[in-house]
């Protein structure tokens, strides 16, 4: 089993995911065992357990998949950091092609 099939890690953040609760418990145990094995520290007060939706790396992860965090997108837009590129694709008729 590959790590990214069980959890996502970035610096000091971890997201552990599974499709059913029992599998999630097993994966939590596996990841926590590994944390103890390599002598990493974790703070239980910062842990959010058994969430259906979490914010992670400017994204929202849920059972629907990974989506951009609307708050971060709006913040980037207001700060001028985000450039919008619009793209549309459809078939043009002859009159539109020669306009």
PDB file of N, CA and C in Angstrom:
ATOM      1  N   UNK A   1       0.844  -1.174   0.000  1.00  0.00           N
ATOM      2  CA  UNK A   1       0.000   0.000   0.000  1.00  0.00           C
ATOM      3  C   UNK A   1       0.893   1.242   0.000  1.00  0.00           C
ATOM      4  N   UNK A   2       0.595   2.180  -0.880  1.00  0.00           N
ATOM      5  CA  UNK A   2       1.366   3.413  -0.962  1.00  0.00           C
ATOM      6  C   UNK A   2       0.857   4.416   0.058  1.00  0.00           C
ATOM      7  N   UNK A   3       1.760   5.237   0.591  1.00  0.00           N
ATOM      8  CA  UNK A   3       1.418   6.193   1.639  1.00  0.00           C
ATOM      9  C   UNK A   3       0.276   7.110   1.242  1.00  0.00           C
ATOM     10  N   UNK A   4       0.305   7.641   0.018  1.00  0.00           N
ATOM     11  CA  UNK A   4      -0.727   8.603  -0.381  1.00  0.00           C
ATOM     12  C   UNK A   4      -2.108   7.971  -0.501  1.00  0.00           C
ATOM     13  N   UNK A   5      -2.198   6.640  -0.438  1.00  0.00           N
ATOM     14  CA  UNK A   5      -3.508   5.976  -0.435  1.00  0.00           C
ATOM     15  C   UNK A   5      -4.099   5.935   0.972  1.00  0.00           C
ATOM     16  N   UNK A   6      -3.280   6.238   1.968  1.00  0.00           N
ATOM     17  CA  UNK A   6      -3.700   6.201   3.366  1.00  0.00           C
ATOM     18  C   UNK A   6      -3.797   7.600   3.957  1.00  0.00           C
ATOM     19  N   UNK A   7      -2.808   8.434   3.647  1.00  0.00           N
ATOM     20  CA  UNK A   7      -2.793   9.773   4.221  1.00  0.00           C
ATOM     21  C   UNK A   7      -2.041  10.748   3.322  1.00  0.00           C
ATOM     22  N   UNK A   8      -2.274  12.021   3.583  1.00  0.00           N
ATOM     23  CA  UNK A   8      -1.536  13.096   2.944  1.00  0.00           C
ATOM     24  C   UNK A   8      -0.748  13.802   4.042  1.00  0.00           C
ATOM     25  N   UNK A   9       0.495  14.132   3.763  1.00  0.00           N
ATOM     26  CA  UNK A   9       1.330  14.810   4.749  1.00  0.00           C
ATOM     27  C   UNK A   9       1.998  16.018   4.107  1.00  0.00           C
ATOM     28  N   UNK A  10       2.034  17.109   4.857  1.00  0.00           N
ATOM     29  CA  UNK A  10       2.760  18.297   4.428  1.00  0.00           C
ATOM     30  C   UNK A  10       3.290  18.983   5.679  1.00  0.00           C
ATOM     31  N   UNK A  11       4.604  19.073   5.776  1.00  0.00           N
ATOM     32  CA  UNK A  11       5.284  19.633   6.935  1.00  0.00           C
ATOM     33  C   UNK A  11       4.743  18.994   8.222  1.00  0.00           C
ATOM     34  N   UNK A  12       3.979  19.727   9.017  1.00  0.00           N
ATOM     35  CA  UNK A  12       3.496  19.166  10.282  1.00  0.00           C
ATOM     36  C   UNK A  12       2.005  18.835  10.256  1.00  0.00           C
ATOM     37  N   UNK A  13       1.434  18.707   9.063  1.00  0.00           N
ATOM     38  CA  UNK A  13       0.014  18.376   8.942  1.00  0.00           C
ATOM     39  C   UNK A  13      -0.163  17.002   8.305  1.00  0.00           C
ATOM     40  N   UNK A  14      -1.137  16.265   8.809  1.00  0.00           N
ATOM     41  CA  UNK A  14      -1.484  14.948   8.267  1.00  0.00           C
ATOM     42  C   UNK A  14      -2.989  14.861   8.069  1.00  0.00           C
ATOM     43  N   UNK A  15      -3.401  14.261   6.964  1.00  0.00           N
ATOM     44  CA  UNK A  15      -4.803  13.948   6.748  1.00  0.00           C
ATOM     45  C   UNK A  15      -4.869  12.456   6.464  1.00  0.00           C
ATOM     46  N   UNK A  16      -5.604  11.742   7.286  1.00  0.00           N
ATOM     47  CA  UNK A  16      -5.774  10.298   7.121  1.00  0.00           C
ATOM     48  C   UNK A  16      -7.192  10.070   6.613  1.00  0.00           C
ATOM     49  N   UNK A  17      -7.325   9.284   5.555  1.00  0.00           N
ATOM     50  CA  UNK A  17      -8.649   9.112   4.975  1.00  0.00           C
ATOM     51  C   UNK A  17      -8.936   7.649   4.660  1.00  0.00           C
ATOM     52  N   UNK A  18     -10.232   7.345   4.570  1.00  0.00           N
ATOM     53  CA  UNK A  18     -10.696   5.995   4.244  1.00  0.00           C
ATOM     54  C   UNK A  18     -12.155   6.090   3.818  1.00  0.00           C
ATOM     55  N   UNK A  19     -12.622   5.043   3.169  1.00  0.00           N
ATOM     56  CA  UNK A  19     -14.008   5.076   2.692  1.00  0.00           C
ATOM     57  C   UNK A  19     -15.002   4.549   3.735  1.00  0.00           C
ATOM     58  N   UNK A  20     -14.541   3.745   4.682  1.00  0.00           N
ATOM     59  CA  UNK A  20     -15.431   3.254   5.747  1.00  0.00           C
ATOM     60  C   UNK A  20     -14.774   3.473   7.105  1.00  0.00           C
ATOM     61  N   UNK A  21     -15.597   3.562   8.147  1.00  0.00           N
ATOM     62  CA  UNK A  21     -15.111   3.906   9.483  1.00  0.00           C
ATOM     63  C   UNK A  21     -14.094   2.900  10.016  1.00  0.00           C
ATOM     64  N   UNK A  22     -14.362   1.616   9.866  1.00  0.00           N
ATOM     65  CA  UNK A  22     -13.452   0.590  10.380  1.00  0.00           C
ATOM     66  C   UNK A  22     -12.067   0.714   9.728  1.00  0.00           C
ATOM     67  N   UNK A  23     -12.058   0.943   8.431  1.00  0.00           N
ATOM     68  CA  UNK A  23     -10.800   1.122   7.709  1.00  0.00           C
ATOM     69  C   UNK A  23     -10.081   2.390   8.203  1.00  0.00           C
ATOM     70  N   UNK A  24     -10.858   3.420   8.490  1.00  0.00           N
ATOM     71  CA  UNK A  24     -10.278   4.668   8.985  1.00  0.00           C
ATOM     72  C   UNK A  24      -9.594   4.447  10.332  1.00  0.00           C
ATOM     73  N   UNK A  25     -10.240   3.707  11.207  1.00  0.00           N
ATOM     74  CA  UNK A  25      -9.634   3.395  12.509  1.00  0.00           C
ATOM     75  C   UNK A  25      -8.315   2.636  12.337  1.00  0.00           C
ATOM     76  N   UNK A  26      -8.301   1.664  11.440  1.00  0.00           N
ATOM     77  CA  UNK A  26      -7.070   0.895  11.182  1.00  0.00           C
ATOM     78  C   UNK A  26      -5.958   1.797  10.657  1.00  0.00           C
ATOM     79  N   UNK A  27      -6.312   2.692   9.751  1.00  0.00           N
ATOM     80  CA  UNK A  27      -5.312   3.594   9.177  1.00  0.00           C
ATOM     81  C   UNK A  27      -4.805   4.597  10.209  1.00  0.00           C
ATOM     82  N   UNK A  28      -5.698   5.080  11.061  1.00  0.00           N
ATOM     83  CA  UNK A  28      -5.265   5.978  12.143  1.00  0.00           C
ATOM     84  C   UNK A  28      -4.260   5.265  13.046  1.00  0.00           C
ATOM     85  N   UNK A  29      -4.573   4.038  13.389  1.00  0.00           N
ATOM     86  CA  UNK A  29      -3.668   3.266  14.241  1.00  0.00           C
ATOM     87  C   UNK A  29      -2.321   3.061  13.561  1.00  0.00           C
ATOM     88  N   UNK A  30      -2.344   2.732  12.270  1.00  0.00           N
ATOM     89  CA  UNK A  30      -1.120   2.503  11.515  1.00  0.00           C
ATOM     90  C   UNK A  30      -0.258   3.774  11.479  1.00  0.00           C
ATOM     91  N   UNK A  31      -0.881   4.927  11.202  1.00  0.00           N
ATOM     92  CA  UNK A  31      -0.138   6.188  11.127  1.00  0.00           C
ATOM     93  C   UNK A  31       0.379   6.585  12.508  1.00  0.00           C
ATOM     94  N   UNK A  32      -0.442   6.464  13.537  1.00  0.00           N
ATOM     95  CA  UNK A  32       0.001   6.809  14.888  1.00  0.00           C
ATOM     96  C   UNK A  32       1.123   5.888  15.364  1.00  0.00           C
ATOM     97  N   UNK A  33       1.047   4.612  15.032  1.00  0.00           N
ATOM     98  CA  UNK A  33       2.141   3.692  15.367  1.00  0.00           C
ATOM     99  C   UNK A  33       3.440   4.123  14.713  1.00  0.00           C
ATOM    100  N   UNK A  34       3.341   4.549  13.464  1.00  0.00           N
ATOM    101  CA  UNK A  34       4.529   4.993  12.729  1.00  0.00           C
ATOM    102  C   UNK A  34       5.104   6.273  13.344  1.00  0.00           C
ATOM    103  N   UNK A  35       4.232   7.188  13.770  1.00  0.00           N
ATOM    104  CA  UNK A  35       4.674   8.425  14.422  1.00  0.00           C
ATOM    105  C   UNK A  35       5.455   8.098  15.687  1.00  0.00           C
ATOM    106  N   UNK A  36       4.938   7.172  16.481  1.00  0.00           N
ATOM    107  CA  UNK A  36       5.623   6.751  17.707  1.00  0.00           C
ATOM    108  C   UNK A  36       6.944   6.059  17.374  1.00  0.00           C
ATOM    109  N   UNK A  37       6.930   5.206  16.369  1.00  0.00           N
ATOM    110  CA  UNK A  37       8.117   4.446  15.963  1.00  0.00           C
ATOM    111  C   UNK A  37       9.281   5.356  15.590  1.00  0.00           C
ATOM    112  N   UNK A  38       9.003   6.444  14.893  1.00  0.00           N
ATOM    113  CA  UNK A  38      10.073   7.352  14.469  1.00  0.00           C
ATOM    114  C   UNK A  38      10.257   8.516  15.447  1.00  0.00           C
ATOM    115  N   UNK A  39       9.601   8.413  16.599  1.00  0.00           N
ATOM    116  CA  UNK A  39       9.742   9.349  17.713  1.00  0.00           C
ATOM    117  C   UNK A  39       9.369  10.791  17.364  1.00  0.00           C
ATOM    118  N   UNK A  40       8.314  10.943  16.581  1.00  0.00           N
ATOM    119  CA  UNK A  40       7.783  12.276  16.313  1.00  0.00           C
ATOM    120  C   UNK A  40       6.819  12.659  17.420  1.00  0.00           C
ATOM    121  N   UNK A  41       6.633  13.921  17.601  1.00  0.00           N
ATOM    122  CA  UNK A  41       5.703  14.415  18.617  1.00  0.00           C
ATOM    123  C   UNK A  41       4.410  14.848  17.930  1.00  0.00           C
ATOM    124  N   UNK A  42       3.315  14.671  18.632  1.00  0.00           N
ATOM    125  CA  UNK A  42       2.032  15.168  18.144  1.00  0.00           C
ATOM    126  C   UNK A  42       1.256  15.735  19.321  1.00  0.00           C
ATOM    127  N   UNK A  43       0.432  16.703  19.028  1.00  0.00           N
ATOM    128  CA  UNK A  43      -0.343  17.380  20.066  1.00  0.00           C
ATOM    129  C   UNK A  43      -1.812  17.034  19.873  1.00  0.00           C
ATOM    130  N   UNK A  44      -2.354  16.255  20.782  1.00  0.00           N
ATOM    131  CA  UNK A  44      -3.741  15.805  20.651  1.00  0.00           C
ATOM    132  C   UNK A  44      -4.727  16.966  20.610  1.00  0.00           C
ATOM    133  N   UNK A  45      -4.403  18.068  21.267  1.00  0.00           N
ATOM    134  CA  UNK A  45      -5.327  19.205  21.273  1.00  0.00           C
ATOM    135  C   UNK A  45      -5.480  19.820  19.885  1.00  0.00           C
ATOM    136  N   UNK A  46      -4.531  19.570  18.974  1.00  0.00           N
ATOM    137  CA  UNK A  46      -4.621  20.093  17.614  1.00  0.00           C
ATOM    138  C   UNK A  46      -5.245  19.089  16.642  1.00  0.00           C
ATOM    139  N   UNK A  47      -5.555  17.901  17.120  1.00  0.00           N
ATOM    140  CA  UNK A  47      -6.103  16.857  16.247  1.00  0.00           C
ATOM    141  C   UNK A  47      -7.607  17.037  16.049  1.00  0.00           C
ATOM    142  N   UNK A  48      -8.025  16.878  14.823  1.00  0.00           N
ATOM    143  CA  UNK A  48      -9.446  16.833  14.492  1.00  0.00           C
ATOM    144  C   UNK A  48      -9.709  15.415  14.008  1.00  0.00           C
ATOM    145  N   UNK A  49     -10.489  14.668  14.750  1.00  0.00           N
ATOM    146  CA  UNK A  49     -10.720  13.265  14.418  1.00  0.00           C
ATOM    147  C   UNK A  49     -12.095  13.069  13.788  1.00  0.00           C
ATOM    148  N   UNK A  50     -12.153  12.157  12.841  1.00  0.00           N
ATOM    149  CA  UNK A  50     -13.392  11.693  12.223  1.00  0.00           C
ATOM    150  C   UNK A  50     -14.224  12.823  11.603  1.00  0.00           C
ATOM    151  N   UNK A  51     -13.556  13.665  10.842  1.00  0.00           N
ATOM    152  CA  UNK A  51     -14.208  14.773  10.161  1.00  0.00           C
ATOM    153  C   UNK A  51     -14.687  14.333   8.781  1.00  0.00           C
ATOM    154  N   UNK A  52     -15.779  14.881   8.332  1.00  0.00           N
ATOM    155  CA  UNK A  52     -16.280  14.582   6.979  1.00  0.00           C
ATOM    156  C   UNK A  52     -15.703  15.549   5.955  1.00  0.00           C
ATOM    157  N   UNK A  53     -15.177  16.681   6.454  1.00  0.00           N
ATOM    158  CA  UNK A  53     -14.621  17.699   5.566  1.00  0.00           C
ATOM    159  C   UNK A  53     -13.512  18.422   6.323  1.00  0.00           C
ATOM    160  N   UNK A  54     -12.343  18.601   5.683  1.00  0.00           N
ATOM    161  CA  UNK A  54     -11.234  19.318   6.318  1.00  0.00           C
ATOM    162  C   UNK A  54     -10.582  20.276   5.329  1.00  0.00           C
ATOM    163  N   UNK A  55     -10.034  21.366   5.862  1.00  0.00           N
ATOM    164  CA  UNK A  55      -9.245  22.292   5.061  1.00  0.00           C
ATOM    165  C   UNK A  55      -7.792  21.843   5.152  1.00  0.00           C
ATOM    166  N   UNK A  56      -7.139  21.739   3.996  1.00  0.00           N
ATOM    167  CA  UNK A  56      -5.758  21.267   3.945  1.00  0.00           C
ATOM    168  C   UNK A  56      -5.078  21.873   2.732  1.00  0.00           C
ATOM    169  N   UNK A  57      -4.020  22.631   2.952  1.00  0.00           N
ATOM    170  CA  UNK A  57      -3.231  23.220   1.868  1.00  0.00           C
ATOM    171  C   UNK A  57      -4.078  23.997   0.864  1.00  0.00           C
ATOM    172  N   UNK A  58      -4.835  24.953   1.358  1.00  0.00           N
ATOM    173  CA  UNK A  58      -5.685  25.804   0.507  1.00  0.00           C
ATOM    174  C   UNK A  58      -6.745  25.014  -0.261  1.00  0.00           C
ATOM    175  N   UNK A  59      -7.055  23.831   0.222  1.00  0.00           N
ATOM    176  CA  UNK A  59      -8.073  22.994  -0.412  1.00  0.00           C
ATOM    177  C   UNK A  59      -9.026  22.478   0.660  1.00  0.00           C
ATOM    178  N   UNK A  60     -10.171  22.001   0.194  1.00  0.00           N
ATOM    179  CA  UNK A  60     -11.117  21.331   1.081  1.00  0.00           C
ATOM    180  C   UNK A  60     -11.212  19.890   0.614  1.00  0.00           C
ATOM    181  N   UNK A  61     -10.951  18.980   1.531  1.00  0.00           N
ATOM    182  CA  UNK A  61     -10.995  17.551   1.221  1.00  0.00           C
ATOM    183  C   UNK A  61     -12.239  16.972   1.867  1.00  0.00           C
ATOM    184  N   UNK A  62     -13.046  16.276   1.060  1.00  0.00           N
ATOM    185  CA  UNK A  62     -14.271  15.663   1.568  1.00  0.00           C
ATOM    186  C   UNK A  62     -14.549  14.399   0.764  1.00  0.00           C
ATOM    187  N   UNK A  63     -15.681  13.776   1.037  1.00  0.00           N
ATOM    188  CA  UNK A  63     -16.054  12.577   0.284  1.00  0.00           C
ATOM    189  C   UNK A  63     -16.311  12.902  -1.186  1.00  0.00           C
ATOM    190  N   UNK A  64     -16.496  14.186  -1.494  1.00  0.00           N
ATOM    191  CA  UNK A  64     -16.704  14.609  -2.876  1.00  0.00           C
ATOM    192  C   UNK A  64     -15.393  14.794  -3.633  1.00  0.00           C
ATOM    193  N   UNK A  65     -14.273  14.727  -2.927  1.00  0.00           N
ATOM    194  CA  UNK A  65     -12.966  14.901  -3.555  1.00  0.00           C
ATOM    195  C   UNK A  65     -12.233  16.108  -2.991  1.00  0.00           C
ATOM    196  N   UNK A  66     -11.329  16.661  -3.783  1.00  0.00           N
ATOM    197  CA  UNK A  66     -10.535  17.810  -3.373  1.00  0.00           C
ATOM    198  C   UNK A  66     -10.981  19.017  -4.182  1.00  0.00           C
ATOM    199  N   UNK A  67     -11.327  20.100  -3.469  1.00  0.00           N
ATOM    200  CA  UNK A  67     -11.796  21.327  -4.105  1.00  0.00           C
ATOM    201  C   UNK A  67     -11.004  22.505  -3.547  1.00  0.00           C
ATOM    202  N   UNK A  68     -10.881  23.594  -4.312  1.00  0.00           N
ATOM    203  CA  UNK A  68     -10.209  24.777  -3.774  1.00  0.00           C
ATOM    204  C   UNK A  68     -11.014  25.374  -2.620  1.00  0.00           C
ATOM    205  N   UNK A  69     -10.320  25.920  -1.638  1.00  0.00           N
ATOM    206  CA  UNK A  69     -10.972  26.587  -0.514  1.00  0.00           C
ATOM    207  C   UNK A  69     -11.454  27.958  -0.994  1.00  0.00           C
ATOM    208  N   UNK A  70     -12.771  28.194  -1.041  1.00  0.00           N
ATOM    209  CA  UNK A  70     -13.292  29.465  -1.561  1.00  0.00           C
ATOM    210  C   UNK A  70     -12.741  30.683  -0.827  1.00  0.00           C
ATOM    211  N   UNK A  71     -12.505  30.579   0.484  1.00  0.00           N
ATOM    212  CA  UNK A  71     -11.960  31.707   1.246  1.00  0.00           C
ATOM    213  C   UNK A  71     -10.567  32.076   0.753  1.00  0.00           C
ATOM    214  N   UNK A  72      -9.739  31.076   0.472  1.00  0.00           N
ATOM    215  CA  UNK A  72      -8.378  31.329   0.005  1.00  0.00           C
ATOM    216  C   UNK A  72      -8.379  31.892  -1.414  1.00  0.00           C
ATOM    217  N   UNK A  73      -9.274  31.395  -2.246  1.00  0.00           N
ATOM    218  CA  UNK A  73      -9.359  31.887  -3.620  1.00  0.00           C
ATOM    219  C   UNK A  73      -9.768  33.355  -3.608  1.00  0.00           C
ATOM    220  N   UNK A  74     -10.775  33.709  -2.799  1.00  0.00           N
ATOM    221  CA  UNK A  74     -11.220  35.095  -2.695  1.00  0.00           C
ATOM    222  C   UNK A  74     -10.100  35.984  -2.159  1.00  0.00           C
ATOM    223  N   UNK A  75      -9.393  35.503  -1.150  1.00  0.00           N
ATOM    224  CA  UNK A  75      -8.287  36.263  -0.566  1.00  0.00           C
ATOM    225  C   UNK A  75      -7.191  36.509  -1.608  1.00  0.00           C
ATOM    226  N   UNK A  76      -6.837  35.499  -2.382  1.00  0.00           N
ATOM    227  CA  UNK A  76      -5.831  35.654  -3.422  1.00  0.00           C
ATOM    228  C   UNK A  76      -6.314  36.636  -4.488  1.00  0.00           C
ATOM    229  N   UNK A  77      -7.581  36.567  -4.842  1.00  0.00           N
ATOM    230  CA  UNK A  77      -8.147  37.453  -5.851  1.00  0.00           C
ATOM    231  C   UNK A  77      -8.066  38.909  -5.373  1.00  0.00           C
ATOM    232  N   UNK A  78      -8.439  39.138  -4.110  1.00  0.00           N
ATOM    233  CA  UNK A  78      -8.427  40.494  -3.559  1.00  0.00           C
ATOM    234  C   UNK A  78      -7.007  41.042  -3.434  1.00  0.00           C
ATOM    235  N   UNK A  79      -6.030  40.194  -3.188  1.00  0.00           N
ATOM    236  CA  UNK A  79      -4.634  40.618  -3.066  1.00  0.00           C
ATOM    237  C   UNK A  79      -3.943  40.738  -4.415  1.00  0.00           C
ATOM    238  N   UNK A  80      -4.643  40.421  -5.486  1.00  0.00           N
ATOM    239  CA  UNK A  80      -4.056  40.496  -6.814  1.00  0.00           C
ATOM    240  C   UNK A  80      -3.097  39.356  -7.130  1.00  0.00           C
ATOM    241  N   UNK A  81      -3.116  38.303  -6.313  1.00  0.00           N
ATOM    242  CA  UNK A  81      -2.218  37.163  -6.520  1.00  0.00           C
ATOM    243  C   UNK A  81      -2.778  36.172  -7.537  1.00  0.00           C
ATOM    244  N   UNK A  82      -4.075  36.222  -7.757  1.00  0.00           N
ATOM    245  CA  UNK A  82      -4.731  35.234  -8.603  1.00  0.00           C
ATOM    246  C   UNK A  82      -5.070  35.845  -9.951  1.00  0.00           C
ATOM    247  N   UNK A  83      -4.627  35.209 -10.993  1.00  0.00           N
ATOM    248  CA  UNK A  83      -4.944  35.634 -12.352  1.00  0.00           C
ATOM    249  C   UNK A  83      -6.019  34.693 -12.886  1.00  0.00           C
ATOM    250  N   UNK A  84      -7.063  35.252 -13.442  1.00  0.00           N
ATOM    251  CA  UNK A  84      -8.156  34.434 -13.955  1.00  0.00           C
ATOM    252  C   UNK A  84      -7.956  34.213 -15.444  1.00  0.00           C
ATOM    253  N   UNK A  85      -8.005  32.983 -15.823  1.00  0.00           N
ATOM    254  CA  UNK A  85      -7.915  32.620 -17.231  1.00  0.00           C
ATOM    255  C   UNK A  85      -9.227  31.940 -17.583  1.00  0.00           C
ATOM    256  N   UNK A  86      -9.936  32.506 -18.532  1.00  0.00           N
ATOM    257  CA  UNK A  86     -11.212  31.935 -18.940  1.00  0.00           C
ATOM    258  C   UNK A  86     -11.009  31.131 -20.217  1.00  0.00           C
ATOM    259  N   UNK A  87     -11.656  30.018 -20.292  1.00  0.00           N
ATOM    260  CA  UNK A  87     -11.567  29.164 -21.474  1.00  0.00           C
ATOM    261  C   UNK A  87     -12.937  28.580 -21.737  1.00  0.00           C
ATOM    262  N   UNK A  88     -13.378  28.699 -22.944  1.00  0.00           N
ATOM    263  CA  UNK A  88     -14.654  28.094 -23.329  1.00  0.00           C
ATOM    264  C   UNK A  88     -14.435  27.332 -24.621  1.00  0.00           C
ATOM    265  N   UNK A  89     -15.118  26.264 -24.748  1.00  0.00           N
ATOM    266  CA  UNK A  89     -14.976  25.460 -25.960  1.00  0.00           C
ATOM    267  C   UNK A  89     -16.354  25.082 -26.465  1.00  0.00           C
ATOM    268  N   UNK A  90     -16.602  25.392 -27.724  1.00  0.00           N
ATOM    269  CA  UNK A  90     -17.839  24.957 -28.354  1.00  0.00           C
ATOM    270  C   UNK A  90     -17.655  25.099 -29.861  1.00  0.00           C
ATOM    271  N   UNK A  91     -18.512  24.507 -30.575  1.00  0.00           N
ATOM    272  CA  UNK A  91     -18.432  24.582 -32.041  1.00  0.00           C
ATOM    273  C   UNK A  91     -19.035  25.908 -32.500  1.00  0.00           C
ATOM    274  N   UNK A  92     -18.350  26.593 -33.409  1.00  0.00           N
ATOM    275  CA  UNK A  92     -18.862  27.837 -33.965  1.00  0.00           C
ATOM    276  C   UNK A  92     -19.536  27.554 -35.301  1.00  0.00           C
ATOM    277  N   UNK A  93     -20.583  28.312 -35.589  1.00  0.00           N
ATOM    278  CA  UNK A  93     -21.188  28.182 -36.918  1.00  0.00           C
ATOM    279  C   UNK A  93     -20.441  29.100 -37.890  1.00  0.00           C
ATOM    280  N   UNK A  94     -20.720  28.997 -39.178  1.00  0.00           N
ATOM    281  CA  UNK A  94     -20.004  29.758 -40.206  1.00  0.00           C
ATOM    282  C   UNK A  94     -20.047  31.267 -39.971  1.00  0.00           C
ATOM    283  N   UNK A  95     -21.199  31.788 -39.594  1.00  0.00           N
ATOM    284  CA  UNK A  95     -21.328  33.223 -39.396  1.00  0.00           C
ATOM    285  C   UNK A  95     -20.430  33.705 -38.246  1.00  0.00           C
ATOM    286  N   UNK A  96     -20.373  32.940 -37.182  1.00  0.00           N
ATOM    287  CA  UNK A  96     -19.536  33.329 -36.048  1.00  0.00           C
ATOM    288  C   UNK A  96     -18.056  33.265 -36.393  1.00  0.00           C
ATOM    289  N   UNK A  97     -17.656  32.322 -37.227  1.00  0.00           N
ATOM    290  CA  UNK A  97     -16.251  32.202 -37.609  1.00  0.00           C
ATOM    291  C   UNK A  97     -15.771  33.415 -38.383  1.00  0.00           C
ATOM    292  N   UNK A  98     -16.651  34.074 -39.138  1.00  0.00           N
ATOM    293  CA  UNK A  98     -16.249  35.183 -39.996  1.00  0.00           C
ATOM    294  C   UNK A  98     -16.566  36.538 -39.384  1.00  0.00           C
ATOM    295  N   UNK A  99     -16.978  36.591 -38.151  1.00  0.00           N
ATOM    296  CA  UNK A  99     -17.353  37.840 -37.508  1.00  0.00           C
ATOM    297  C   UNK A  99     -16.159  38.722 -37.240  1.00  0.00           C
TER     298      UNK A  99
END
